[in-house]
């Protein structure tokens, strides 16, 4: 038990723990990372590799960052799309 707790603490403090992408809809996935920084890059790297295994490209939909005890939690929602899919376009920033 003590060894497992040490391992979890080490992973959190040493950088990043990334969960596998989870399907949340048609071609749409979510991935979360926990670590010591609040960048989206580790989650985006995971998403890119996941889509590449399907010969598809990542279309980032949302990002969410939150600080937690001993680190940060970042999640992204993304789609895996064929390069010629009409939904795979340059993102347009909408005014709120």
Protein backbone atom coordinates (compact mmCIF):
# COMPACT_ATOMS: atom_id res chain seq x y z
CA UNK A 1 0.00 0.00 0.00
CA UNK A 2 2.77 2.42 0.93
CA UNK A 3 4.54 1.60 -2.36
CA UNK A 4 1.41 2.36 -4.40
CA UNK A 5 0.91 5.70 -2.65
CA UNK A 6 4.56 6.57 -3.24
CA UNK A 7 4.21 5.73 -6.94
CA UNK A 8 1.10 7.89 -7.34
CA UNK A 9 2.74 10.80 -5.53
CA UNK A 10 5.89 10.40 -7.64
CA UNK A 11 3.89 10.45 -10.90
CA UNK A 12 1.96 13.54 -9.86
CA UNK A 13 5.04 15.43 -8.75
CA UNK A 14 7.30 14.31 -11.57
CA UNK A 15 5.29 15.66 -14.43
CA UNK A 16 2.18 14.23 -15.86
CA UNK A 17 -0.25 11.35 -15.63
CA UNK A 18 -2.41 11.05 -18.73
CA UNK A 19 -5.57 8.99 -18.95
CA UNK A 20 -6.45 7.19 -22.17
CA UNK A 21 -8.88 9.09 -24.43
CA UNK A 22 -12.53 8.31 -23.68
CA UNK A 23 -15.23 8.30 -26.36
CA UNK A 24 -17.96 10.83 -25.59
CA UNK A 25 -19.76 10.90 -28.95
CA UNK A 26 -19.41 10.27 -32.66
CA UNK A 27 -15.70 10.84 -33.51
CA UNK A 28 -15.47 12.86 -30.27
CA UNK A 29 -13.19 12.11 -27.32
CA UNK A 30 -11.96 13.56 -24.04
CA UNK A 31 -8.56 13.13 -22.42
CA UNK A 32 -7.38 14.36 -19.01
CA UNK A 33 -3.91 14.97 -17.66
CA UNK A 34 -2.76 15.53 -14.11
CA UNK A 35 0.62 16.99 -13.33
CA UNK A 36 2.59 19.93 -12.09
CA UNK A 37 1.73 22.38 -14.85
CA UNK A 38 -1.47 23.54 -16.48
CA UNK A 39 -0.47 23.32 -20.13
CA UNK A 40 -2.64 21.48 -22.62
CA UNK A 41 0.37 20.08 -24.51
CA UNK A 42 0.51 16.64 -22.80
CA UNK A 43 -3.21 16.10 -23.43
CA UNK A 44 -2.88 17.35 -27.00
CA UNK A 45 0.08 15.04 -27.60
CA UNK A 46 -2.01 12.11 -26.36
CA UNK A 47 -4.92 13.12 -28.60
CA UNK A 48 -2.66 13.52 -31.63
CA UNK A 49 -1.13 10.06 -31.15
CA UNK A 50 -4.58 8.54 -30.59
CA UNK A 51 -5.96 10.01 -33.83
CA UNK A 52 -2.80 9.21 -35.79
CA UNK A 53 -3.28 5.50 -34.98
CA UNK A 54 -6.56 5.81 -36.90
CA UNK A 55 -4.89 7.79 -39.73
CA UNK A 56 -6.92 10.84 -38.68
CA UNK A 57 -6.22 14.40 -37.56
CA UNK A 58 -7.11 16.16 -34.30
CA UNK A 59 -9.67 18.94 -34.20
CA UNK A 60 -9.52 20.53 -30.74
CA UNK A 61 -12.95 21.51 -29.44
CA UNK A 62 -12.48 22.62 -25.83
CA UNK A 63 -9.86 22.93 -23.11
CA UNK A 64 -10.40 23.04 -19.36
CA UNK A 65 -7.72 23.73 -16.73
CA UNK A 66 -8.11 23.54 -12.97
CA UNK A 67 -5.62 23.64 -10.12
CA UNK A 68 -5.77 20.82 -7.60
CA UNK A 69 -3.79 19.88 -4.53
CA UNK A 70 -0.19 19.08 -5.55
CA UNK A 71 -0.78 19.84 -9.20
CA UNK A 72 -3.10 20.68 -12.01
CA UNK A 73 -5.84 18.95 -13.95
CA UNK A 74 -6.23 19.69 -17.66
CA UNK A 75 -8.84 18.15 -19.94
CA UNK A 76 -9.47 18.56 -23.64
CA UNK A 77 -12.32 17.54 -25.89
CA UNK A 78 -11.40 16.74 -29.47
CA UNK A 79 -12.51 15.01 -32.64
CA UNK A 80 -10.55 12.56 -34.79
CA UNK A 81 -11.32 13.45 -38.40
CA UNK A 82 -10.14 12.48 -41.86
CA UNK A 83 -7.98 15.24 -43.40
CA UNK A 84 -10.59 15.75 -46.13
CA UNK A 85 -13.55 15.87 -43.70
CA UNK A 86 -15.30 19.25 -44.15
CA UNK A 87 -15.42 19.64 -40.35
CA UNK A 88 -11.59 19.64 -40.27
CA UNK A 89 -11.10 23.38 -40.71
CA UNK A 90 -9.33 26.29 -39.13
CA UNK A 91 -11.02 27.09 -35.82
CA UNK A 92 -13.05 30.29 -35.66
CA UNK A 93 -12.99 32.20 -32.38
CA UNK A 94 -16.46 33.27 -31.36
CA UNK A 95 -17.11 36.41 -29.34
CA UNK A 96 -18.84 35.79 -26.04
